[in-house]
Amino acid sequence: MDLTSRQMEIIQAATQLISERSIQELTIKNLSARIGVTEAALYRHFRSKVDILVAILEQFREHGEVVRREALQRNAGPMELLEFIFLTHVRTFVEKPYLADVVFSEEIFQNEDRLADMVRSMMQQNFDAFVGMMRQGQQAGSIRNDIAAVELTTIFVGALRMLITRWRLQRFTDNLEHDGVSMWKALQRILST
């Protein structure tokens, strides 16, 4: 996604606003006040709040693709790849907690088909990649094969989602990285042969 430096500045301000207050507080009025420009000036860079959220989600999607590529370049087994991806996502949310407010805020997607479609597409892309890794692990004998890869992936993704959602609802007070490592160890026991 090619963004101008001004668009990047707007996205940065939007993410700070979400992080400090809430996603509901992300309005063009609040954002223009934060940046110190008029609302009209902001509209020259993004047509709407939805366009700003789309840009944030696009950055998250691109980051997910980079993580998957890095995982595959590690030349490791499926279980190690899943661990790398799981813990990298946990660390990403630790570094950028506002992403939890954007990615896991179903209420903002209810009336915005473009956002809902984008999140749904990202989720499906990730899910399909994880199913492939689970199947590889089952074929290699490192991941149990008495449960279908799709169901194991649902457990894997559901555990990550629950971990992040709980942390988000507690306003980021828990030690997510510690909890993520503990959750991964439990998942490893569940997934392993």
N, C-alpha and C. Protein backbone atom coordinates (compact mmCIF):
# COMPACT_ATOMS: atom_id res chain seq x y z
N MET A 1 0.85 -1.17 0.00
CA MET A 1 0.00 0.00 0.00
C MET A 1 0.89 1.23 0.00
N ASP A 2 0.74 2.06 -1.01
CA ASP A 2 1.53 3.27 -1.13
C ASP A 2 0.81 4.43 -0.46
N LEU A 3 1.41 4.93 0.60
CA LEU A 3 0.83 6.05 1.33
C LEU A 3 1.81 7.20 1.33
N THR A 4 1.29 8.41 1.29
CA THR A 4 2.14 9.59 1.39
C THR A 4 2.59 9.75 2.84
N SER A 5 3.59 10.58 3.04
CA SER A 5 4.05 10.81 4.42
C SER A 5 2.94 11.46 5.25
N ARG A 6 2.12 12.28 4.64
CA ARG A 6 1.02 12.91 5.36
C ARG A 6 -0.03 11.86 5.75
N GLN A 7 -0.32 10.92 4.84
CA GLN A 7 -1.26 9.86 5.17
C GLN A 7 -0.72 8.99 6.31
N MET A 8 0.56 8.72 6.28
CA MET A 8 1.18 7.94 7.37
C MET A 8 1.06 8.70 8.69
N GLU A 9 1.24 10.01 8.65
CA GLU A 9 1.10 10.83 9.85
C GLU A 9 -0.34 10.77 10.37
N ILE A 10 -1.30 10.80 9.47
CA ILE A 10 -2.71 10.72 9.86
C ILE A 10 -3.00 9.35 10.48
N ILE A 11 -2.49 8.30 9.86
CA ILE A 11 -2.70 6.96 10.40
C ILE A 11 -2.07 6.83 11.78
N GLN A 12 -0.87 7.38 11.93
CA GLN A 12 -0.20 7.34 13.24
C GLN A 12 -1.03 8.07 14.30
N ALA A 13 -1.54 9.24 13.94
CA ALA A 13 -2.37 9.99 14.88
C ALA A 13 -3.66 9.23 15.19
N ALA A 14 -4.23 8.60 14.18
CA ALA A 14 -5.46 7.82 14.39
C ALA A 14 -5.19 6.67 15.33
N THR A 15 -4.09 5.98 15.15
CA THR A 15 -3.78 4.84 16.02
C THR A 15 -3.51 5.29 17.45
N GLN A 16 -2.87 6.44 17.60
CA GLN A 16 -2.65 6.97 18.94
C GLN A 16 -3.98 7.33 19.61
N LEU A 17 -4.86 7.92 18.85
CA LEU A 17 -6.17 8.30 19.37
C LEU A 17 -6.95 7.06 19.80
N ILE A 18 -6.92 6.02 18.97
CA ILE A 18 -7.59 4.77 19.32
C ILE A 18 -6.97 4.18 20.58
N SER A 19 -5.65 4.17 20.63
CA SER A 19 -4.94 3.57 21.75
C SER A 19 -5.20 4.32 23.05
N GLU A 20 -5.19 5.63 23.00
CA GLU A 20 -5.34 6.44 24.21
C GLU A 20 -6.79 6.54 24.68
N ARG A 21 -7.72 6.54 23.75
CA ARG A 21 -9.12 6.76 24.14
C ARG A 21 -9.97 5.54 23.81
N SER A 22 -10.34 5.38 22.56
CA SER A 22 -11.08 4.20 22.11
C SER A 22 -11.36 4.36 20.62
N ILE A 23 -11.76 3.29 20.01
CA ILE A 23 -12.06 3.37 18.58
C ILE A 23 -13.27 4.25 18.32
N GLN A 24 -14.18 4.33 19.29
CA GLN A 24 -15.35 5.19 19.12
C GLN A 24 -14.96 6.67 19.07
N GLU A 25 -13.83 7.01 19.66
CA GLU A 25 -13.36 8.39 19.67
C GLU A 25 -12.63 8.78 18.39
N LEU A 26 -12.45 7.81 17.50
CA LEU A 26 -11.81 8.12 16.22
C LEU A 26 -12.87 8.73 15.31
N THR A 27 -12.87 10.05 15.29
CA THR A 27 -13.74 10.80 14.39
C THR A 27 -12.86 11.76 13.61
N ILE A 28 -13.37 12.20 12.48
CA ILE A 28 -12.60 13.17 11.67
C ILE A 28 -12.38 14.44 12.49
N LYS A 29 -13.37 14.85 13.25
CA LYS A 29 -13.24 16.05 14.09
C LYS A 29 -12.12 15.88 15.12
N ASN A 30 -12.15 14.76 15.87
CA ASN A 30 -11.11 14.53 16.88
C ASN A 30 -9.74 14.37 16.25
N LEU A 31 -9.69 13.69 15.12
CA LEU A 31 -8.42 13.45 14.45
C LEU A 31 -7.83 14.75 13.90
N SER A 32 -8.66 15.59 13.30
CA SER A 32 -8.15 16.85 12.78
C SER A 32 -7.65 17.74 13.92
N ALA A 33 -8.34 17.72 15.05
CA ALA A 33 -7.89 18.48 16.22
C ALA A 33 -6.56 17.95 16.73
N ARG A 34 -6.40 16.64 16.73
CA ARG A 34 -5.16 16.00 17.20
C ARG A 34 -3.97 16.42 16.32
N ILE A 35 -4.20 16.45 15.02
CA ILE A 35 -3.12 16.77 14.08
C ILE A 35 -2.90 18.27 13.97
N GLY A 36 -3.95 19.04 14.25
CA GLY A 36 -3.84 20.49 14.14
C GLY A 36 -4.13 21.00 12.75
N VAL A 37 -5.05 20.33 12.06
CA VAL A 37 -5.47 20.77 10.72
C VAL A 37 -7.00 20.83 10.71
N THR A 38 -7.52 21.45 9.68
CA THR A 38 -8.97 21.49 9.54
C THR A 38 -9.48 20.13 9.07
N GLU A 39 -10.76 19.92 9.28
CA GLU A 39 -11.37 18.68 8.79
C GLU A 39 -11.25 18.60 7.27
N ALA A 40 -11.41 19.72 6.60
CA ALA A 40 -11.29 19.75 5.14
C ALA A 40 -9.90 19.32 4.69
N ALA A 41 -8.89 19.75 5.42
CA ALA A 41 -7.51 19.35 5.08
C ALA A 41 -7.33 17.85 5.24
N LEU A 42 -7.93 17.30 6.26
CA LEU A 42 -7.82 15.85 6.48
C LEU A 42 -8.52 15.08 5.35
N TYR A 43 -9.66 15.61 4.90
CA TYR A 43 -10.41 14.95 3.83
C TYR A 43 -9.64 14.96 2.49
N ARG A 44 -8.66 15.81 2.36
CA ARG A 44 -7.84 15.78 1.14
C ARG A 44 -6.97 14.53 1.08
N HIS A 45 -6.73 13.90 2.23
CA HIS A 45 -5.86 12.73 2.29
C HIS A 45 -6.64 11.42 2.43
N PHE A 46 -7.77 11.47 3.11
CA PHE A 46 -8.65 10.31 3.26
C PHE A 46 -10.08 10.79 3.12
N ARG A 47 -10.88 10.06 2.36
CA ARG A 47 -12.27 10.47 2.12
C ARG A 47 -13.14 10.30 3.36
N SER A 48 -12.73 9.39 4.26
CA SER A 48 -13.59 9.11 5.41
C SER A 48 -12.81 8.40 6.50
N LYS A 49 -13.44 8.28 7.65
CA LYS A 49 -12.89 7.50 8.76
C LYS A 49 -12.70 6.05 8.32
N VAL A 50 -13.63 5.55 7.54
CA VAL A 50 -13.53 4.16 7.06
C VAL A 50 -12.27 3.97 6.24
N ASP A 51 -11.93 4.95 5.41
CA ASP A 51 -10.70 4.85 4.61
C ASP A 51 -9.45 4.79 5.50
N ILE A 52 -9.49 5.50 6.60
CA ILE A 52 -8.37 5.47 7.54
C ILE A 52 -8.28 4.08 8.18
N LEU A 53 -9.42 3.54 8.60
CA LEU A 53 -9.43 2.20 9.19
C LEU A 53 -9.01 1.14 8.18
N VAL A 54 -9.42 1.31 6.93
CA VAL A 54 -8.98 0.39 5.87
C VAL A 54 -7.46 0.43 5.75
N ALA A 55 -6.87 1.62 5.80
CA ALA A 55 -5.41 1.75 5.70
C ALA A 55 -4.72 1.06 6.88
N ILE A 56 -5.28 1.20 8.08
CA ILE A 56 -4.71 0.53 9.26
C ILE A 56 -4.80 -0.99 9.08
N LEU A 57 -5.97 -1.48 8.65
CA LEU A 57 -6.14 -2.91 8.44
C LEU A 57 -5.22 -3.43 7.33
N GLU A 58 -5.04 -2.64 6.30
CA GLU A 58 -4.15 -3.04 5.20
C GLU A 58 -2.71 -3.19 5.71
N GLN A 59 -2.28 -2.28 6.57
CA GLN A 59 -0.95 -2.41 7.15
C GLN A 59 -0.84 -3.69 7.98
N PHE A 60 -1.90 -4.01 8.73
CA PHE A 60 -1.91 -5.23 9.53
C PHE A 60 -1.88 -6.47 8.63
N ARG A 61 -2.62 -6.43 7.53
CA ARG A 61 -2.63 -7.54 6.58
C ARG A 61 -1.25 -7.74 5.98
N GLU A 62 -0.63 -6.64 5.57
CA GLU A 62 0.72 -6.73 5.00
C GLU A 62 1.70 -7.28 6.03
N HIS A 63 1.55 -6.85 7.28
CA HIS A 63 2.42 -7.37 8.34
C HIS A 63 2.23 -8.88 8.50
N GLY A 64 0.99 -9.34 8.45
CA GLY A 64 0.71 -10.78 8.55
C GLY A 64 1.38 -11.56 7.43
N GLU A 65 1.36 -11.01 6.23
CA GLU A 65 2.02 -11.67 5.11
C GLU A 65 3.53 -11.74 5.32
N VAL A 66 4.10 -10.67 5.84
CA VAL A 66 5.55 -10.66 6.12
C VAL A 66 5.88 -11.72 7.17
N VAL A 67 5.06 -11.82 8.20
CA VAL A 67 5.29 -12.81 9.26
C VAL A 67 5.24 -14.22 8.68
N ARG A 68 4.23 -14.49 7.83
CA ARG A 68 4.14 -15.83 7.23
C ARG A 68 5.35 -16.12 6.34
N ARG A 69 5.78 -15.13 5.57
CA ARG A 69 6.98 -15.33 4.72
C ARG A 69 8.21 -15.60 5.58
N GLU A 70 8.38 -14.82 6.66
CA GLU A 70 9.52 -15.02 7.56
C GLU A 70 9.47 -16.41 8.17
N ALA A 71 8.27 -16.84 8.54
CA ALA A 71 8.13 -18.17 9.14
C ALA A 71 8.56 -19.25 8.15
N LEU A 72 8.12 -19.12 6.91
CA LEU A 72 8.46 -20.13 5.91
C LEU A 72 9.95 -20.13 5.58
N GLN A 73 10.60 -18.98 5.67
CA GLN A 73 12.03 -18.90 5.40
C GLN A 73 12.88 -19.49 6.51
N ARG A 74 12.27 -19.78 7.63
CA ARG A 74 13.01 -20.33 8.78
C ARG A 74 13.39 -21.79 8.56
N ASN A 75 12.80 -22.41 7.55
CA ASN A 75 13.11 -23.80 7.24
C ASN A 75 12.92 -24.69 8.47
N ALA A 76 11.80 -24.48 9.13
CA ALA A 76 11.49 -25.22 10.35
C ALA A 76 10.28 -26.11 10.10
N GLY A 77 10.00 -26.97 11.04
CA GLY A 77 8.84 -27.84 10.96
C GLY A 77 7.56 -27.08 11.21
N PRO A 78 6.42 -27.69 10.87
CA PRO A 78 5.12 -27.01 11.04
C PRO A 78 4.86 -26.52 12.47
N MET A 79 5.23 -27.30 13.48
CA MET A 79 4.98 -26.88 14.86
C MET A 79 5.80 -25.63 15.19
N GLU A 80 7.03 -25.58 14.73
CA GLU A 80 7.88 -24.41 14.97
C GLU A 80 7.35 -23.20 14.21
N LEU A 81 6.81 -23.43 13.01
CA LEU A 81 6.23 -22.33 12.24
C LEU A 81 5.01 -21.76 12.96
N LEU A 82 4.16 -22.64 13.46
CA LEU A 82 2.98 -22.19 14.19
C LEU A 82 3.37 -21.42 15.45
N GLU A 83 4.39 -21.90 16.14
CA GLU A 83 4.86 -21.19 17.33
C GLU A 83 5.37 -19.80 16.97
N PHE A 84 6.18 -19.73 15.93
CA PHE A 84 6.72 -18.44 15.49
C PHE A 84 5.60 -17.46 15.16
N ILE A 85 4.62 -17.93 14.40
CA ILE A 85 3.51 -17.06 13.99
C ILE A 85 2.68 -16.65 15.20
N PHE A 86 2.34 -17.59 16.06
CA PHE A 86 1.52 -17.30 17.23
C PHE A 86 2.20 -16.24 18.10
N LEU A 87 3.47 -16.48 18.44
CA LEU A 87 4.16 -15.56 19.35
C LEU A 87 4.50 -14.23 18.67
N THR A 88 4.72 -14.24 17.37
CA THR A 88 4.96 -12.98 16.66
C THR A 88 3.70 -12.13 16.66
N HIS A 89 2.54 -12.76 16.47
CA HIS A 89 1.29 -11.99 16.54
C HIS A 89 1.08 -11.43 17.94
N VAL A 90 1.37 -12.21 18.96
CA VAL A 90 1.25 -11.72 20.33
C VAL A 90 2.14 -10.49 20.52
N ARG A 91 3.38 -10.58 20.07
CA ARG A 91 4.32 -9.45 20.24
C ARG A 91 3.87 -8.23 19.44
N THR A 92 3.28 -8.46 18.28
CA THR A 92 2.77 -7.35 17.48
C THR A 92 1.69 -6.59 18.24
N PHE A 93 0.79 -7.33 18.89
CA PHE A 93 -0.26 -6.66 19.67
C PHE A 93 0.31 -5.97 20.90
N VAL A 94 1.35 -6.55 21.51
CA VAL A 94 2.00 -5.88 22.65
C VAL A 94 2.58 -4.55 22.19
N GLU A 95 3.23 -4.55 21.03
CA GLU A 95 3.86 -3.32 20.51
C GLU A 95 2.82 -2.32 20.01
N LYS A 96 1.70 -2.82 19.48
CA LYS A 96 0.69 -1.96 18.89
C LYS A 96 -0.69 -2.36 19.41
N PRO A 97 -0.98 -2.04 20.67
CA PRO A 97 -2.26 -2.49 21.25
C PRO A 97 -3.49 -1.94 20.54
N TYR A 98 -3.36 -0.79 19.89
CA TYR A 98 -4.50 -0.24 19.16
C TYR A 98 -5.00 -1.20 18.09
N LEU A 99 -4.13 -2.07 17.59
CA LEU A 99 -4.56 -3.03 16.58
C LEU A 99 -5.65 -3.95 17.11
N ALA A 100 -5.57 -4.28 18.39
CA ALA A 100 -6.61 -5.12 18.99
C ALA A 100 -7.95 -4.40 18.94
N ASP A 101 -7.94 -3.10 19.17
CA ASP A 101 -9.18 -2.32 19.11
C ASP A 101 -9.73 -2.26 17.69
N VAL A 102 -8.86 -2.25 16.71
CA VAL A 102 -9.32 -2.17 15.32
C VAL A 102 -9.73 -3.55 14.81
N VAL A 103 -8.84 -4.54 14.95
CA VAL A 103 -9.07 -5.86 14.37
C VAL A 103 -10.21 -6.60 15.07
N PHE A 104 -10.33 -6.43 16.38
CA PHE A 104 -11.33 -7.19 17.14
C PHE A 104 -12.52 -6.34 17.57
N SER A 105 -12.81 -5.29 16.85
CA SER A 105 -13.96 -4.44 17.18
C SER A 105 -15.08 -4.70 16.19
N GLU A 106 -15.78 -5.78 16.42
CA GLU A 106 -16.86 -6.16 15.52
C GLU A 106 -17.90 -5.07 15.37
N GLU A 107 -18.09 -4.27 16.42
CA GLU A 107 -19.13 -3.24 16.35
C GLU A 107 -18.87 -2.23 15.24
N ILE A 108 -17.61 -1.97 14.90
CA ILE A 108 -17.35 -0.99 13.84
C ILE A 108 -17.57 -1.59 12.46
N PHE A 109 -17.63 -2.92 12.38
CA PHE A 109 -17.80 -3.56 11.09
C PHE A 109 -19.25 -3.85 10.77
N GLN A 110 -20.13 -3.77 11.76
CA GLN A 110 -21.52 -4.15 11.56
C GLN A 110 -22.19 -3.37 10.43
N ASN A 111 -21.90 -2.10 10.33
CA ASN A 111 -22.54 -1.26 9.31
C ASN A 111 -21.59 -0.83 8.21
N GLU A 112 -20.41 -1.39 8.20
CA GLU A 112 -19.42 -1.02 7.19
C GLU A 112 -18.98 -2.27 6.42
N ASP A 113 -19.64 -2.51 5.32
CA ASP A 113 -19.36 -3.72 4.55
C ASP A 113 -17.90 -3.81 4.11
N ARG A 114 -17.32 -2.69 3.74
CA ARG A 114 -15.93 -2.70 3.27
C ARG A 114 -14.98 -3.19 4.36
N LEU A 115 -15.18 -2.71 5.58
CA LEU A 115 -14.34 -3.14 6.70
C LEU A 115 -14.61 -4.61 7.03
N ALA A 116 -15.88 -4.99 7.06
CA ALA A 116 -16.24 -6.38 7.36
C ALA A 116 -15.65 -7.32 6.32
N ASP A 117 -15.74 -6.95 5.06
CA ASP A 117 -15.18 -7.79 3.99
C ASP A 117 -13.67 -7.92 4.11
N MET A 118 -13.03 -6.82 4.46
CA MET A 118 -11.58 -6.84 4.58
C MET A 118 -11.13 -7.73 5.75
N VAL A 119 -11.78 -7.59 6.89
CA VAL A 119 -11.44 -8.41 8.05
C VAL A 119 -11.74 -9.87 7.76
N ARG A 120 -12.88 -10.13 7.15
CA ARG A 120 -13.25 -11.50 6.80
C ARG A 120 -12.22 -12.12 5.85
N SER A 121 -11.78 -11.36 4.87
CA SER A 121 -10.78 -11.84 3.92
C SER A 121 -9.45 -12.13 4.61
N MET A 122 -9.03 -11.22 5.50
CA MET A 122 -7.78 -11.43 6.25
C MET A 122 -7.88 -12.68 7.11
N MET A 123 -9.01 -12.84 7.78
CA MET A 123 -9.19 -14.00 8.65
C MET A 123 -9.16 -15.30 7.83
N GLN A 124 -9.81 -15.29 6.68
CA GLN A 124 -9.84 -16.50 5.86
C GLN A 124 -8.46 -16.82 5.31
N GLN A 125 -7.74 -15.80 4.89
CA GLN A 125 -6.38 -16.00 4.38
C GLN A 125 -5.49 -16.62 5.46
N ASN A 126 -5.55 -16.09 6.66
CA ASN A 126 -4.76 -16.63 7.77
C ASN A 126 -5.22 -18.05 8.10
N PHE A 127 -6.52 -18.25 8.17
CA PHE A 127 -7.06 -19.56 8.51
C PHE A 127 -6.59 -20.61 7.51
N ASP A 128 -6.68 -20.29 6.23
CA ASP A 128 -6.25 -21.24 5.19
C ASP A 128 -4.77 -21.57 5.31
N ALA A 129 -3.95 -20.56 5.60
CA ALA A 129 -2.51 -20.79 5.76
C ALA A 129 -2.25 -21.71 6.96
N PHE A 130 -2.98 -21.49 8.06
CA PHE A 130 -2.79 -22.33 9.25
C PHE A 130 -3.27 -23.76 9.01
N VAL A 131 -4.37 -23.92 8.28
CA VAL A 131 -4.84 -25.26 7.96
C VAL A 131 -3.76 -26.00 7.17
N GLY A 132 -3.13 -25.31 6.23
CA GLY A 132 -2.05 -25.93 5.46
C GLY A 132 -0.90 -26.37 6.34
N MET A 133 -0.53 -25.54 7.30
CA MET A 133 0.55 -25.90 8.22
C MET A 133 0.16 -27.08 9.10
N MET A 134 -1.11 -27.07 9.54
CA MET A 134 -1.58 -28.20 10.36
C MET A 134 -1.52 -29.49 9.55
N ARG A 135 -1.95 -29.46 8.32
CA ARG A 135 -1.93 -30.66 7.47
C ARG A 135 -0.51 -31.14 7.23
N GLN A 136 0.40 -30.20 7.01
CA GLN A 136 1.81 -30.59 6.84
C GLN A 136 2.32 -31.28 8.09
N GLY A 137 1.97 -30.71 9.25
CA GLY A 137 2.39 -31.31 10.51
C GLY A 137 1.78 -32.69 10.72
N GLN A 138 0.55 -32.86 10.31
CA GLN A 138 -0.10 -34.16 10.42
C GLN A 138 0.59 -35.18 9.50
N GLN A 139 0.91 -34.75 8.29
CA GLN A 139 1.59 -35.64 7.36
C GLN A 139 2.99 -35.99 7.84
N ALA A 140 3.65 -35.05 8.49
CA ALA A 140 5.00 -35.29 9.01
C ALA A 140 4.99 -36.06 10.33
N GLY A 141 3.81 -36.18 10.95
CA GLY A 141 3.71 -36.91 12.20
C GLY A 141 3.99 -36.10 13.44
N SER A 142 4.12 -34.76 13.31
CA SER A 142 4.40 -33.94 14.48
C SER A 142 3.14 -33.32 15.08
N ILE A 143 2.05 -33.32 14.32
CA ILE A 143 0.77 -32.81 14.80
C ILE A 143 -0.24 -33.93 14.74
N ARG A 144 -1.02 -34.06 15.79
CA ARG A 144 -1.98 -35.16 15.90
C ARG A 144 -2.90 -35.17 14.68
N ASN A 145 -3.26 -36.39 14.25
CA ASN A 145 -4.13 -36.50 13.09
C ASN A 145 -5.48 -37.15 13.42
N ASP A 146 -5.76 -37.31 14.71
CA ASP A 146 -7.06 -37.84 15.09
C ASP A 146 -8.13 -36.75 15.15
N ILE A 147 -7.73 -35.51 14.93
CA ILE A 147 -8.64 -34.37 14.84
C ILE A 147 -8.31 -33.67 13.51
N ALA A 148 -9.33 -33.31 12.77
CA ALA A 148 -9.12 -32.68 11.46
C ALA A 148 -8.34 -31.37 11.59
N ALA A 149 -7.56 -31.09 10.56
CA ALA A 149 -6.74 -29.87 10.54
C ALA A 149 -7.59 -28.61 10.70
N VAL A 150 -8.77 -28.61 10.14
CA VAL A 150 -9.65 -27.44 10.25
C VAL A 150 -10.04 -27.20 11.70
N GLU A 151 -10.38 -28.27 12.42
CA GLU A 151 -10.75 -28.10 13.83
C GLU A 151 -9.55 -27.69 14.68
N LEU A 152 -8.38 -28.26 14.40
CA LEU A 152 -7.18 -27.85 15.13
C LEU A 152 -6.86 -26.39 14.87
N THR A 153 -7.06 -25.96 13.65
CA THR A 153 -6.83 -24.55 13.31
C THR A 153 -7.82 -23.66 14.04
N THR A 154 -9.05 -24.08 14.15
CA THR A 154 -10.05 -23.30 14.88
C THR A 154 -9.63 -23.15 16.35
N ILE A 155 -9.12 -24.20 16.94
CA ILE A 155 -8.62 -24.14 18.32
C ILE A 155 -7.45 -23.17 18.41
N PHE A 156 -6.52 -23.27 17.47
CA PHE A 156 -5.32 -22.42 17.43
C PHE A 156 -5.71 -20.94 17.30
N VAL A 157 -6.52 -20.65 16.29
CA VAL A 157 -6.93 -19.26 16.04
C VAL A 157 -7.81 -18.75 17.18
N GLY A 158 -8.72 -19.62 17.66
CA GLY A 158 -9.60 -19.22 18.75
C GLY A 158 -8.84 -18.89 20.03
N ALA A 159 -7.79 -19.65 20.29
CA ALA A 159 -6.98 -19.38 21.49
C ALA A 159 -6.29 -18.01 21.37
N LEU A 160 -5.76 -17.72 20.20
CA LEU A 160 -5.11 -16.42 20.00
C LEU A 160 -6.13 -15.29 20.12
N ARG A 161 -7.26 -15.47 19.48
CA ARG A 161 -8.29 -14.44 19.51
C ARG A 161 -8.79 -14.20 20.94
N MET A 162 -9.04 -15.27 21.68
CA MET A 162 -9.53 -15.14 23.06
C MET A 162 -8.48 -14.44 23.93
N LEU A 163 -7.23 -14.82 23.76
CA LEU A 163 -6.14 -14.22 24.53
C LEU A 163 -6.08 -12.71 24.29
N ILE A 164 -6.13 -12.31 23.02
CA ILE A 164 -6.05 -10.88 22.67
C ILE A 164 -7.32 -10.15 23.12
N THR A 165 -8.47 -10.75 22.91
CA THR A 165 -9.73 -10.10 23.29
C THR A 165 -9.80 -9.88 24.80
N ARG A 166 -9.42 -10.88 25.58
CA ARG A 166 -9.44 -10.73 27.04
C ARG A 166 -8.50 -9.61 27.46
N TRP A 167 -7.32 -9.58 26.88
CA TRP A 167 -6.33 -8.53 27.18
C TRP A 167 -6.89 -7.16 26.80
N ARG A 168 -7.53 -7.08 25.66
CA ARG A 168 -8.12 -5.82 25.20
C ARG A 168 -9.21 -5.36 26.16
N LEU A 169 -10.09 -6.27 26.56
CA LEU A 169 -11.19 -5.90 27.45
C LEU A 169 -10.70 -5.51 28.84
N GLN A 170 -9.53 -5.99 29.22
CA GLN A 170 -8.94 -5.60 30.50
C GLN A 170 -8.07 -4.35 30.32
N ARG A 171 -8.24 -3.70 29.18
CA ARG A 171 -7.53 -2.47 28.83
C ARG A 171 -6.01 -2.64 28.90
N PHE A 172 -5.55 -3.79 28.42
CA PHE A 172 -4.13 -4.06 28.21
C PHE A 172 -3.32 -4.10 29.50
N THR A 173 -3.95 -4.51 30.60
CA THR A 173 -3.24 -4.51 31.89
C THR A 173 -2.47 -5.79 32.14
N ASP A 174 -2.89 -6.90 31.56
CA ASP A 174 -2.16 -8.16 31.78
C ASP A 174 -0.86 -8.17 31.00
N ASN A 175 0.01 -9.11 31.34
CA ASN A 175 1.25 -9.29 30.61
C ASN A 175 0.97 -10.23 29.44
N LEU A 176 0.62 -9.66 28.31
CA LEU A 176 0.19 -10.45 27.16
C LEU A 176 1.30 -11.37 26.66
N GLU A 177 2.52 -10.90 26.66
CA GLU A 177 3.60 -11.74 26.16
C GLU A 177 3.76 -12.99 27.03
N HIS A 178 3.73 -12.82 28.34
CA HIS A 178 3.82 -13.96 29.26
C HIS A 178 2.64 -14.92 29.04
N ASP A 179 1.43 -14.33 28.96
CA ASP A 179 0.24 -15.16 28.76
C ASP A 179 0.28 -15.86 27.41
N GLY A 180 0.85 -15.19 26.41
CA GLY A 180 0.97 -15.78 25.09
C GLY A 180 1.88 -16.98 25.08
N VAL A 181 2.99 -16.90 25.78
CA VAL A 181 3.92 -18.03 25.89
C VAL A 181 3.23 -19.19 26.61
N SER A 182 2.52 -18.89 27.69
CA SER A 182 1.80 -19.95 28.41
C SER A 182 0.75 -20.59 27.53
N MET A 183 0.02 -19.77 26.78
CA MET A 183 -1.01 -20.31 25.89
C MET A 183 -0.38 -21.17 24.81
N TRP A 184 0.75 -20.70 24.25
CA TRP A 184 1.40 -21.51 23.22
C TRP A 184 1.80 -22.88 23.77
N LYS A 185 2.35 -22.91 24.98
CA LYS A 185 2.75 -24.20 25.57
C LYS A 185 1.56 -25.13 25.72
N ALA A 186 0.41 -24.58 26.09
CA ALA A 186 -0.80 -25.40 26.21
C ALA A 186 -1.25 -25.89 24.82
N LEU A 187 -1.20 -25.00 23.85
CA LEU A 187 -1.57 -25.38 22.48
C LEU A 187 -0.63 -26.47 21.94
N GLN A 188 0.63 -26.34 22.26
CA GLN A 188 1.61 -27.31 21.81
C GLN A 188 1.27 -28.70 22.33
N ARG A 189 0.85 -28.76 23.59
CA ARG A 189 0.45 -30.05 24.16
C ARG A 189 -0.82 -30.58 23.48
N ILE A 190 -1.72 -29.70 23.16
CA ILE A 190 -2.97 -30.10 22.50
C ILE A 190 -2.69 -30.59 21.07
N LEU A 191 -1.81 -29.91 20.37
CA LEU A 191 -1.57 -30.20 18.95
C LEU A 191 -0.63 -31.38 18.73
N SER A 192 0.29 -31.58 19.64
CA SER A 192 1.36 -32.57 19.42
C SER A 192 0.85 -33.99 19.45
N THR A 193 1.58 -34.84 18.74
CA THR A 193 1.26 -36.29 18.74
C THR A 193 1.78 -36.92 20.01
